[in-house]
PDB file of N, CA and C in Angstrom:
ATOM      1  N   MET A   1      87.996 -98.321 -37.275  1.00  0.00           N
ATOM      2  CA  MET A   1      87.345 -97.990 -38.520  1.00  0.00           C
ATOM      3  C   MET A   1      85.824 -98.115 -38.395  1.00  0.00           C
ATOM      4  N   ALA A   2      85.316 -98.766 -37.419  1.00  0.00           N
ATOM      5  CA  ALA A   2      83.882 -99.006 -37.326  1.00  0.00           C
ATOM      6  C   ALA A   2      83.113 -97.796 -36.836  1.00  0.00           C
ATOM      7  N   GLY A   3      83.753 -96.861 -36.153  1.00  0.00           N
ATOM      8  CA  GLY A   3      83.013 -95.749 -35.568  1.00  0.00           C
ATOM      9  C   GLY A   3      83.012 -94.493 -36.399  1.00  0.00           C
ATOM     10  N   LYS A   4      84.164 -93.879 -36.576  1.00  0.00           N
ATOM     11  CA  LYS A   4      84.262 -92.595 -37.248  1.00  0.00           C
ATOM     12  C   LYS A   4      85.194 -92.713 -38.441  1.00  0.00           C
ATOM     13  N   ILE A   5      84.965 -91.828 -39.378  1.00  0.00           N
ATOM     14  CA  ILE A   5      85.882 -91.720 -40.508  1.00  0.00           C
ATOM     15  C   ILE A   5      86.820 -90.567 -40.186  1.00  0.00           C
ATOM     16  N   LYS A   6      88.101 -90.876 -40.119  1.00  0.00           N
ATOM     17  CA  LYS A   6      89.099 -89.847 -39.824  1.00  0.00           C
ATOM     18  C   LYS A   6      89.829 -89.478 -41.105  1.00  0.00           C
ATOM     19  N   THR A   7      90.285 -88.264 -41.174  1.00  0.00           N
ATOM     20  CA  THR A   7      91.027 -87.811 -42.337  1.00  0.00           C
ATOM     21  C   THR A   7      92.330 -88.595 -42.441  1.00  0.00           C
ATOM     22  N   PRO A   8      92.540 -89.261 -43.575  1.00  0.00           N
ATOM     23  CA  PRO A   8      93.787 -90.016 -43.728  1.00  0.00           C
ATOM     24  C   PRO A   8      94.966 -89.083 -43.955  1.00  0.00           C
ATOM     25  N   PRO A   9      96.160 -89.607 -43.810  1.00  0.00           N
ATOM     26  CA  PRO A   9      97.344 -88.761 -43.997  1.00  0.00           C
ATOM     27  C   PRO A   9      97.669 -88.544 -45.478  1.00  0.00           C
ATOM     28  N   PHE A  10      96.759 -87.835 -46.178  1.00  0.00           N
ATOM     29  CA  PHE A  10      96.970 -87.519 -47.591  1.00  0.00           C
ATOM     30  C   PHE A  10      98.104 -86.522 -47.747  1.00  0.00           C
ATOM     31  N   SER A  11      98.787 -86.612 -48.874  1.00  0.00           N
ATOM     32  CA  SER A  11      99.723 -85.551 -49.243  1.00  0.00           C
ATOM     33  C   SER A  11      98.889 -84.344 -49.664  1.00  0.00           C
ATOM     34  N   PRO A  12      99.479 -83.164 -49.721  1.00  0.00           N
ATOM     35  CA  PRO A  12      98.708 -81.995 -50.177  1.00  0.00           C
ATOM     36  C   PRO A  12      98.081 -82.204 -51.566  1.00  0.00           C
ATOM     37  N   ALA A  13      98.802 -82.833 -52.481  1.00  0.00           N
ATOM     38  CA  ALA A  13      98.272 -83.069 -53.832  1.00  0.00           C
ATOM     39  C   ALA A  13      97.073 -84.022 -53.798  1.00  0.00           C
ATOM     40  N   ALA A  14      97.154 -85.081 -53.011  1.00  0.00           N
ATOM     41  CA  ALA A  14      96.048 -86.032 -52.909  1.00  0.00           C
ATOM     42  C   ALA A  14      94.839 -85.382 -52.233  1.00  0.00           C
ATOM     43  N   ARG A  15      95.073 -84.529 -51.281  1.00  0.00           N
ATOM     44  CA  ARG A  15      93.987 -83.818 -50.598  1.00  0.00           C
ATOM     45  C   ARG A  15      93.246 -82.915 -51.591  1.00  0.00           C
ATOM     46  N   ILE A  16      93.998 -82.220 -52.434  1.00  0.00           N
ATOM     47  CA  ILE A  16      93.386 -81.347 -53.443  1.00  0.00           C
ATOM     48  C   ILE A  16      92.612 -82.178 -54.461  1.00  0.00           C
ATOM     49  N   GLU A  17      93.211 -83.266 -54.939  1.00  0.00           N
ATOM     50  CA  GLU A  17      92.531 -84.127 -55.911  1.00  0.00           C
ATOM     51  C   GLU A  17      91.228 -84.686 -55.333  1.00  0.00           C
ATOM     52  N   THR A  18      91.277 -85.151 -54.096  1.00  0.00           N
ATOM     53  CA  THR A  18      90.079 -85.687 -53.443  1.00  0.00           C
ATOM     54  C   THR A  18      89.005 -84.616 -53.340  1.00  0.00           C
ATOM     55  N   GLY A  19      89.387 -83.431 -52.918  1.00  0.00           N
ATOM     56  CA  GLY A  19      88.431 -82.329 -52.807  1.00  0.00           C
ATOM     57  C   GLY A  19      87.804 -81.978 -54.144  1.00  0.00           C
ATOM     58  N   MET A  20      88.607 -81.971 -55.198  1.00  0.00           N
ATOM     59  CA  MET A  20      88.085 -81.649 -56.527  1.00  0.00           C
ATOM     60  C   MET A  20      87.100 -82.716 -57.006  1.00  0.00           C
ATOM     61  N   LEU A  21      87.445 -83.986 -56.784  1.00  0.00           N
ATOM     62  CA  LEU A  21      86.557 -85.066 -57.206  1.00  0.00           C
ATOM     63  C   LEU A  21      85.243 -85.040 -56.428  1.00  0.00           C
ATOM     64  N   LEU A  22      85.331 -84.830 -55.118  1.00  0.00           N
ATOM     65  CA  LEU A  22      84.113 -84.758 -54.308  1.00  0.00           C
ATOM     66  C   LEU A  22      83.258 -83.560 -54.718  1.00  0.00           C
ATOM     67  N   ARG A  23      83.885 -82.449 -55.050  1.00  0.00           N
ATOM     68  CA  ARG A  23      83.149 -81.262 -55.496  1.00  0.00           C
ATOM     69  C   ARG A  23      82.399 -81.559 -56.797  1.00  0.00           C
ATOM     70  N   LEU A  24      83.059 -82.251 -57.739  1.00  0.00           N
ATOM     71  CA  LEU A  24      82.381 -82.617 -58.986  1.00  0.00           C
ATOM     72  C   LEU A  24      81.156 -83.481 -58.714  1.00  0.00           C
ATOM     73  N   LEU A  25      81.310 -84.431 -57.807  1.00  0.00           N
ATOM     74  CA  LEU A  25      80.172 -85.284 -57.447  1.00  0.00           C
ATOM     75  C   LEU A  25      79.050 -84.464 -56.829  1.00  0.00           C
ATOM     76  N   GLN A  26      79.393 -83.534 -55.948  1.00  0.00           N
ATOM     77  CA  GLN A  26      78.394 -82.682 -55.308  1.00  0.00           C
ATOM     78  C   GLN A  26      77.655 -81.818 -56.334  1.00  0.00           C
ATOM     79  N   GLN A  27      78.330 -81.482 -57.409  1.00  0.00           N
ATOM     80  CA  GLN A  27      77.724 -80.652 -58.447  1.00  0.00           C
ATOM     81  C   GLN A  27      76.925 -81.483 -59.445  1.00  0.00           C
ATOM     82  N   GLY A  28      76.850 -82.799 -59.204  1.00  0.00           N
ATOM     83  CA  GLY A  28      76.046 -83.664 -60.062  1.00  0.00           C
ATOM     84  C   GLY A  28      76.783 -84.299 -61.223  1.00  0.00           C
ATOM     85  N   GLU A  29      78.092 -84.108 -61.283  1.00  0.00           N
ATOM     86  CA  GLU A  29      78.876 -84.727 -62.347  1.00  0.00           C
ATOM     87  C   GLU A  29      78.884 -86.243 -62.167  1.00  0.00           C
ATOM     88  N   SER A  30      78.908 -86.946 -63.262  1.00  0.00           N
ATOM     89  CA  SER A  30      79.017 -88.405 -63.228  1.00  0.00           C
ATOM     90  C   SER A  30      80.468 -88.760 -63.551  1.00  0.00           C
ATOM     91  N   LEU A  31      81.137 -89.384 -62.612  1.00  0.00           N
ATOM     92  CA  LEU A  31      82.538 -89.764 -62.813  1.00  0.00           C
ATOM     93  C   LEU A  31      82.609 -91.240 -63.206  1.00  0.00           C
ATOM     94  N   GLY A  32      83.473 -91.546 -64.128  1.00  0.00           N
ATOM     95  CA  GLY A  32      83.696 -92.931 -64.530  1.00  0.00           C
ATOM     96  C   GLY A  32      85.138 -93.303 -64.261  1.00  0.00           C
ATOM     97  N   LEU A  33      85.552 -94.425 -64.826  1.00  0.00           N
ATOM     98  CA  LEU A  33      86.931 -94.852 -64.669  1.00  0.00           C
ATOM     99  C   LEU A  33      87.857 -93.876 -65.369  1.00  0.00           C
ATOM    100  N   PRO A  34      89.015 -93.621 -64.867  1.00  0.00           N
ATOM    101  CA  PRO A  34      89.681 -94.256 -63.743  1.00  0.00           C
ATOM    102  C   PRO A  34      89.391 -93.669 -62.368  1.00  0.00           C
ATOM    103  N   PRO A  35      88.876 -92.417 -62.232  1.00  0.00           N
ATOM    104  CA  PRO A  35      88.779 -91.924 -60.860  1.00  0.00           C
ATOM    105  C   PRO A  35      87.690 -92.582 -60.020  1.00  0.00           C
ATOM    106  N   SER A  36      86.646 -93.132 -60.653  1.00  0.00           N
ATOM    107  CA  SER A  36      85.549 -93.690 -59.874  1.00  0.00           C
ATOM    108  C   SER A  36      85.001 -94.933 -60.556  1.00  0.00           C
ATOM    109  N   ARG A  37      84.567 -95.867 -59.734  1.00  0.00           N
ATOM    110  CA  ARG A  37      83.914 -97.050 -60.300  1.00  0.00           C
ATOM    111  C   ARG A  37      82.782 -97.477 -59.384  1.00  0.00           C
ATOM    112  N   PRO A  38      81.734 -98.070 -59.965  1.00  0.00           N
ATOM    113  CA  PRO A  38      80.610 -98.531 -59.152  1.00  0.00           C
ATOM    114  C   PRO A  38      81.013 -99.687 -58.253  1.00  0.00           C
ATOM    115  N   MET A  39      80.360 -99.770 -57.109  1.00  0.00           N
ATOM    116  CA  MET A  39      80.581-100.866 -56.159  1.00  0.00           C
ATOM    117  C   MET A  39      79.226-101.496 -55.827  1.00  0.00           C
ATOM    118  N   PRO A  40      78.630-102.243 -56.768  1.00  0.00           N
ATOM    119  CA  PRO A  40      77.312-102.821 -56.526  1.00  0.00           C
ATOM    120  C   PRO A  40      77.292-103.827 -55.383  1.00  0.00           C
ATOM    121  N   ASN A  41      78.443-104.383 -55.034  1.00  0.00           N
ATOM    122  CA  ASN A  41      78.488-105.320 -53.901  1.00  0.00           C
ATOM    123  C   ASN A  41      78.285-104.604 -52.564  1.00  0.00           C
ATOM    124  N   ILE A  42      78.432-103.287 -52.541  1.00  0.00           N
ATOM    125  CA  ILE A  42      78.109-102.514 -51.334  1.00  0.00           C
ATOM    126  C   ILE A  42      76.625-102.167 -51.350  1.00  0.00           C
ATOM    127  N   GLY A  43      76.151-101.675 -52.478  1.00  0.00           N
ATOM    128  CA  GLY A  43      74.742-101.324 -52.600  1.00  0.00           C
ATOM    129  C   GLY A  43      74.506-100.456 -53.807  1.00  0.00           C
ATOM    130  N   PRO A  44      73.221-100.173 -54.103  1.00  0.00           N
ATOM    131  CA  PRO A  44      72.921 -99.298 -55.232  1.00  0.00           C
ATOM    132  C   PRO A  44      73.465 -97.890 -54.995  1.00  0.00           C
ATOM    133  N   ARG A  45      73.939 -97.284 -56.060  1.00  0.00           N
ATOM    134  CA  ARG A  45      74.497 -95.924 -56.036  1.00  0.00           C
ATOM    135  C   ARG A  45      75.738 -95.806 -55.151  1.00  0.00           C
ATOM    136  N   CYS A  46      76.424 -96.918 -54.915  1.00  0.00           N
ATOM    137  CA  CYS A  46      77.678 -96.897 -54.146  1.00  0.00           C
ATOM    138  C   CYS A  46      78.848 -97.031 -55.114  1.00  0.00           C
ATOM    139  N   HIS A  47      79.893 -96.271 -54.831  1.00  0.00           N
ATOM    140  CA  HIS A  47      81.061 -96.209 -55.716  1.00  0.00           C
ATOM    141  C   HIS A  47      82.326 -96.076 -54.875  1.00  0.00           C
ATOM    142  N   GLU A  48      83.462 -96.190 -55.575  1.00  0.00           N
ATOM    143  CA  GLU A  48      84.734 -95.894 -54.913  1.00  0.00           C
ATOM    144  C   GLU A  48      85.495 -94.884 -55.747  1.00  0.00           C
ATOM    145  N   LEU A  49      86.041 -93.893 -55.073  1.00  0.00           N
ATOM    146  CA  LEU A  49      86.972 -92.960 -55.704  1.00  0.00           C
ATOM    147  C   LEU A  49      88.364 -93.537 -55.564  1.00  0.00           C
ATOM    148  N   ARG A  50      89.148 -93.394 -56.596  1.00  0.00           N
ATOM    149  CA  ARG A  50      90.531 -93.868 -56.566  1.00  0.00           C
ATOM    150  C   ARG A  50      91.455 -92.656 -56.575  1.00  0.00           C
ATOM    151  N   VAL A  51      92.209 -92.518 -55.512  1.00  0.00           N
ATOM    152  CA  VAL A  51      93.127 -91.389 -55.385  1.00  0.00           C
ATOM    153  C   VAL A  51      94.518 -91.954 -55.115  1.00  0.00           C
ATOM    154  N   ARG A  52      95.428 -91.616 -55.990  1.00  0.00           N
ATOM    155  CA  ARG A  52      96.802 -92.089 -55.828  1.00  0.00           C
ATOM    156  C   ARG A  52      97.621 -91.008 -55.149  1.00  0.00           C
ATOM    157  N   ASP A  53      98.303 -91.418 -54.101  1.00  0.00           N
ATOM    158  CA  ASP A  53      99.145 -90.508 -53.338  1.00  0.00           C
ATOM    159  C   ASP A  53     100.599 -90.862 -53.649  1.00  0.00           C
ATOM    160  N   GLU A  54     101.518 -90.162 -53.033  1.00  0.00           N
ATOM    161  CA  GLU A  54     102.941 -90.423 -53.265  1.00  0.00           C
ATOM    162  C   GLU A  54     103.320 -91.866 -52.939  1.00  0.00           C
ATOM    163  N   THR A  55     102.793 -92.390 -51.838  1.00  0.00           N
ATOM    164  CA  THR A  55     103.159 -93.746 -51.413  1.00  0.00           C
ATOM    165  C   THR A  55     101.946 -94.643 -51.172  1.00  0.00           C
ATOM    166  N   HIS A  56     100.730 -94.134 -51.415  1.00  0.00           N
ATOM    167  CA  HIS A  56      99.517 -94.894 -51.124  1.00  0.00           C
ATOM    168  C   HIS A  56      98.533 -94.827 -52.291  1.00  0.00           C
ATOM    169  N   HIS A  57      97.694 -95.841 -52.346  1.00  0.00           N
ATOM    170  CA  HIS A  57      96.548 -95.846 -53.255  1.00  0.00           C
ATOM    171  C   HIS A  57      95.315 -95.831 -52.363  1.00  0.00           C
ATOM    172  N   TRP A  58      94.653 -94.682 -52.291  1.00  0.00           N
ATOM    173  CA  TRP A  58      93.502 -94.534 -51.410  1.00  0.00           C
ATOM    174  C   TRP A  58      92.221 -94.881 -52.140  1.00  0.00           C
ATOM    175  N   ARG A  59      91.280 -95.463 -51.407  1.00  0.00           N
ATOM    176  CA  ARG A  59      89.941 -95.741 -51.914  1.00  0.00           C
ATOM    177  C   ARG A  59      88.954 -95.042 -50.983  1.00  0.00           C
ATOM    178  N   ILE A  60      88.116 -94.209 -51.556  1.00  0.00           N
ATOM    179  CA  ILE A  60      87.102 -93.494 -50.797  1.00  0.00           C
ATOM    180  C   ILE A  60      85.758 -94.029 -51.268  1.00  0.00           C
ATOM    181  N   PHE A  61      85.090 -94.752 -50.400  1.00  0.00           N
ATOM    182  CA  PHE A  61      83.811 -95.359 -50.746  1.00  0.00           C
ATOM    183  C   PHE A  61      82.703 -94.369 -50.424  1.00  0.00           C
ATOM    184  N   TYR A  62      81.778 -94.216 -51.383  1.00  0.00           N
ATOM    185  CA  TYR A  62      80.719 -93.229 -51.186  1.00  0.00           C
ATOM    186  C   TYR A  62      79.404 -93.724 -51.766  1.00  0.00           C
ATOM    187  N   HIS A  63      78.339 -93.109 -51.267  1.00  0.00           N
ATOM    188  CA  HIS A  63      76.974 -93.383 -51.721  1.00  0.00           C
ATOM    189  C   HIS A  63      76.446 -92.087 -52.321  1.00  0.00           C
ATOM    190  N   LEU A  64      75.903 -92.178 -53.546  1.00  0.00           N
ATOM    191  CA  LEU A  64      75.341 -91.004 -54.200  1.00  0.00           C
ATOM    192  C   LEU A  64      73.854 -90.924 -53.903  1.00  0.00           C
ATOM    193  N   ASP A  65      73.491 -89.931 -53.151  1.00  0.00           N
ATOM    194  CA  ASP A  65      72.101 -89.637 -52.861  1.00  0.00           C
ATOM    195  C   ASP A  65      71.717 -88.489 -53.793  1.00  0.00           C
ATOM    196  N   PRO A  66      70.437 -88.355 -54.155  1.00  0.00           N
ATOM    197  CA  PRO A  66      70.076 -87.233 -55.035  1.00  0.00           C
ATOM    198  C   PRO A  66      70.474 -85.860 -54.489  1.00  0.00           C
ATOM    199  N   LYS A  67      70.562 -85.722 -53.170  1.00  0.00           N
ATOM    200  CA  LYS A  67      70.869 -84.416 -52.596  1.00  0.00           C
ATOM    201  C   LYS A  67      72.267 -84.292 -52.012  1.00  0.00           C
ATOM    202  N   GLU A  68      72.968 -85.419 -51.823  1.00  0.00           N
ATOM    203  CA  GLU A  68      74.284 -85.335 -51.184  1.00  0.00           C
ATOM    204  C   GLU A  68      75.152 -86.546 -51.522  1.00  0.00           C
ATOM    205  N   VAL A  69      76.433 -86.373 -51.245  1.00  0.00           N
ATOM    206  CA  VAL A  69      77.408 -87.455 -51.383  1.00  0.00           C
ATOM    207  C   VAL A  69      77.758 -87.899 -49.971  1.00  0.00           C
ATOM    208  N   VAL A  70      77.559 -89.178 -49.678  1.00  0.00           N
ATOM    209  CA  VAL A  70      77.804 -89.702 -48.339  1.00  0.00           C
ATOM    210  C   VAL A  70      79.088 -90.535 -48.372  1.00  0.00           C
ATOM    211  N   VAL A  71      80.122 -90.085 -47.677  1.00  0.00           N
ATOM    212  CA  VAL A  71      81.377 -90.839 -47.595  1.00  0.00           C
ATOM    213  C   VAL A  71      81.173 -91.959 -46.582  1.00  0.00           C
ATOM    214  N   LEU A  72      81.388 -93.189 -47.046  1.00  0.00           N
ATOM    215  CA  LEU A  72      81.155 -94.367 -46.210  1.00  0.00           C
ATOM    216  C   LEU A  72      82.429 -94.852 -45.515  1.00  0.00           C
ATOM    217  N   ALA A  73      83.546 -94.799 -46.215  1.00  0.00           N
ATOM    218  CA  ALA A  73      84.807 -95.275 -45.638  1.00  0.00           C
ATOM    219  C   ALA A  73      85.962 -94.801 -46.503  1.00  0.00           C
ATOM    220  N   ILE A  74      87.125 -94.725 -45.899  1.00  0.00           N
ATOM    221  CA  ILE A  74      88.359 -94.410 -46.607  1.00  0.00           C
ATOM    222  C   ILE A  74      89.333 -95.531 -46.277  1.00  0.00           C
ATOM    223  N   HIS A  75      89.946 -96.077 -47.322  1.00  0.00           N
ATOM    224  CA  HIS A  75      90.775 -97.271 -47.152  1.00  0.00           C
ATOM    225  C   HIS A  75      92.070 -97.118 -47.934  1.00  0.00           C
ATOM    226  N   ASP A  76      93.176 -97.496 -47.336  1.00  0.00           N
ATOM    227  CA  ASP A  76      94.474 -97.526 -48.001  1.00  0.00           C
ATOM    228  C   ASP A  76      94.582 -98.869 -48.711  1.00  0.00           C
ATOM    229  N   LYS A  77      94.569 -98.849 -50.024  1.00  0.00           N
ATOM    230  CA  LYS A  77      94.584-100.091 -50.806  1.00  0.00           C
ATOM    231  C   LYS A  77      95.951-100.758 -50.703  1.00  0.00           C
ATOM    232  N   THR A  78      95.929-101.989 -50.215  1.00  0.00           N
ATOM    233  CA  THR A  78      97.170-102.753 -50.110  1.00  0.00           C
ATOM    234  C   THR A  78      97.050-104.131 -50.761  1.00  0.00           C
ATOM    235  N   THR A  79      95.834-104.519 -51.139  1.00  0.00           N
ATOM    236  CA  THR A  79      95.590-105.813 -51.773  1.00  0.00           C
ATOM    237  C   THR A  79      94.731-105.606 -53.014  1.00  0.00           C
ATOM    238  N   PRO A  80      94.718-106.581 -53.947  1.00  0.00           N
ATOM    239  CA  PRO A  80      93.903-106.424 -55.156  1.00  0.00           C
ATOM    240  C   PRO A  80      92.402-106.326 -54.885  1.00  0.00           C
ATOM    241  N   LYS A  81      91.907-107.046 -53.894  1.00  0.00           N
ATOM    242  CA  LYS A  81      90.485-107.025 -53.581  1.00  0.00           C
ATOM    243  C   LYS A  81      90.218-106.141 -52.372  1.00  0.00           C
ATOM    244  N   THR A  82      89.046-105.519 -52.381  1.00  0.00           N
ATOM    245  CA  THR A  82      88.630-104.747 -51.208  1.00  0.00           C
ATOM    246  C   THR A  82      88.356-105.722 -50.068  1.00  0.00           C
ATOM    247  N   PRO A  83      88.941-105.493 -48.897  1.00  0.00           N
ATOM    248  CA  PRO A  83      88.709-106.397 -47.768  1.00  0.00           C
ATOM    249  C   PRO A  83      87.220-106.506 -47.418  1.00  0.00           C
ATOM    250  N   THR A  84      86.811-107.696 -47.045  1.00  0.00           N
ATOM    251  CA  THR A  84      85.421-107.964 -46.691  1.00  0.00           C
ATOM    252  C   THR A  84      84.947-107.045 -45.577  1.00  0.00           C
ATOM    253  N   ARG A  85      85.785-106.790 -44.594  1.00  0.00           N
ATOM    254  CA  ARG A  85      85.371-105.947 -43.469  1.00  0.00           C
ATOM    255  C   ARG A  85      85.071-104.528 -43.922  1.00  0.00           C
ATOM    256  N   VAL A  86      85.789-104.013 -44.912  1.00  0.00           N
ATOM    257  CA  VAL A  86      85.525-102.666 -45.437  1.00  0.00           C
ATOM    258  C   VAL A  86      84.180-102.661 -46.161  1.00  0.00           C
ATOM    259  N   ILE A  87      83.920-103.683 -46.946  1.00  0.00           N
ATOM    260  CA  ILE A  87      82.640-103.790 -47.657  1.00  0.00           C
ATOM    261  C   ILE A  87      81.495-103.875 -46.651  1.00  0.00           C
ATOM    262  N   GLU A  88      81.668-104.677 -45.599  1.00  0.00           N
ATOM    263  CA  GLU A  88      80.607-104.827 -44.590  1.00  0.00           C
ATOM    264  C   GLU A  88      80.339-103.506 -43.854  1.00  0.00           C
ATOM    265  N   ILE A  89      81.395-102.773 -43.538  1.00  0.00           N
ATOM    266  CA  ILE A  89      81.236-101.474 -42.875  1.00  0.00           C
ATOM    267  C   ILE A  89      80.477-100.514 -43.797  1.00  0.00           C
ATOM    268  N   CYS A  90      80.830-100.498 -45.068  1.00  0.00           N
ATOM    269  CA  CYS A  90      80.150 -99.626 -46.021  1.00  0.00           C
ATOM    270  C   CYS A  90      78.683-100.019 -46.181  1.00  0.00           C
ATOM    271  N   GLN A  91      78.409-101.311 -46.231  1.00  0.00           N
ATOM    272  CA  GLN A  91      77.018-101.779 -46.328  1.00  0.00           C
ATOM    273  C   GLN A  91      76.214-101.345 -45.104  1.00  0.00           C
ATOM    274  N   ARG A  92      76.801-101.505 -43.938  1.00  0.00           N
ATOM    275  CA  ARG A  92      76.120-101.122 -42.702  1.00  0.00           C
ATOM    276  C   ARG A  92      75.863 -99.612 -42.665  1.00  0.00           C
ATOM    277  N   ARG A  93      76.852 -98.827 -43.050  1.00  0.00           N
ATOM    278  CA  ARG A  93      76.690 -97.368 -43.044  1.00  0.00           C
ATOM    279  C   ARG A  93      75.664 -96.919 -44.087  1.00  0.00           C
ATOM    280  N   THR A  94      75.615 -97.593 -45.229  1.00  0.00           N
ATOM    281  CA  THR A  94      74.618 -97.266 -46.241  1.00  0.00           C
ATOM    282  C   THR A  94      73.217 -97.521 -45.705  1.00  0.00           C
ATOM    283  N   LYS A  95      73.030 -98.662 -45.061  1.00  0.00           N
ATOM    284  CA  LYS A  95      71.717 -98.987 -44.488  1.00  0.00           C
ATOM    285  C   LYS A  95      71.327 -97.987 -43.403  1.00  0.00           C
ATOM    286  N   LEU A  96      72.274 -97.626 -42.554  1.00  0.00           N
ATOM    287  CA  LEU A  96      71.982 -96.637 -41.509  1.00  0.00           C
ATOM    288  C   LEU A  96      71.599 -95.291 -42.114  1.00  0.00           C
ATOM    289  N   TYR A  97      72.297 -94.890 -43.153  1.00  0.00           N
ATOM    290  CA  TYR A  97      71.988 -93.620 -43.802  1.00  0.00           C
ATOM    291  C   TYR A  97      70.575 -93.649 -44.384  1.00  0.00           C
ATOM    292  N   GLN A  98      70.204 -94.759 -45.001  1.00  0.00           N
ATOM    293  CA  GLN A  98      68.887 -94.866 -45.632  1.00  0.00           C
ATOM    294  C   GLN A  98      67.759 -94.869 -44.610  1.00  0.00           C
ATOM    295  N   LEU A  99      68.067 -95.162 -43.352  1.00  0.00           N
ATOM    296  CA  LEU A  99      67.068 -95.138 -42.295  1.00  0.00           C
ATOM    297  C   LEU A  99      66.805 -93.729 -41.753  1.00  0.00           C
ATOM    298  N   LEU A 100      67.704 -92.806 -42.062  1.00  0.00           N
ATOM    299  CA  LEU A 100      67.540 -91.442 -41.569  1.00  0.00           C
ATOM    300  C   LEU A 100      66.331 -90.776 -42.211  1.00  0.00           C
ATOM    301  N   PRO A 101      65.632 -89.931 -41.452  1.00  0.00           N
ATOM    302  CA  PRO A 101      64.460 -89.239 -42.021  1.00  0.00           C
ATOM    303  C   PRO A 101      64.848 -88.188 -43.047  1.00  0.00           C
TER     304      PRO A 101
END
């Protein structure tokens, strides 16, 4: 999980829902609960998308930049709290993104 973000094994319905939500974000829409919630513990303008699949609850962590949506991590939710390692990876990726010219 530390190197690349790979496409998770979404069902076709979850793949469509994820694409629609990401498209809304790209178009400047502001999403609130239930599909999205802020994640200030990752950083400013960081959020998680909540996508329910047939057998999984997926979390897609993203950073909203004025010009783009940056996907930081995709996680299969299995516990009530987001694992510390996922938060740390998202924090690191956010910092790396902000260093880009």
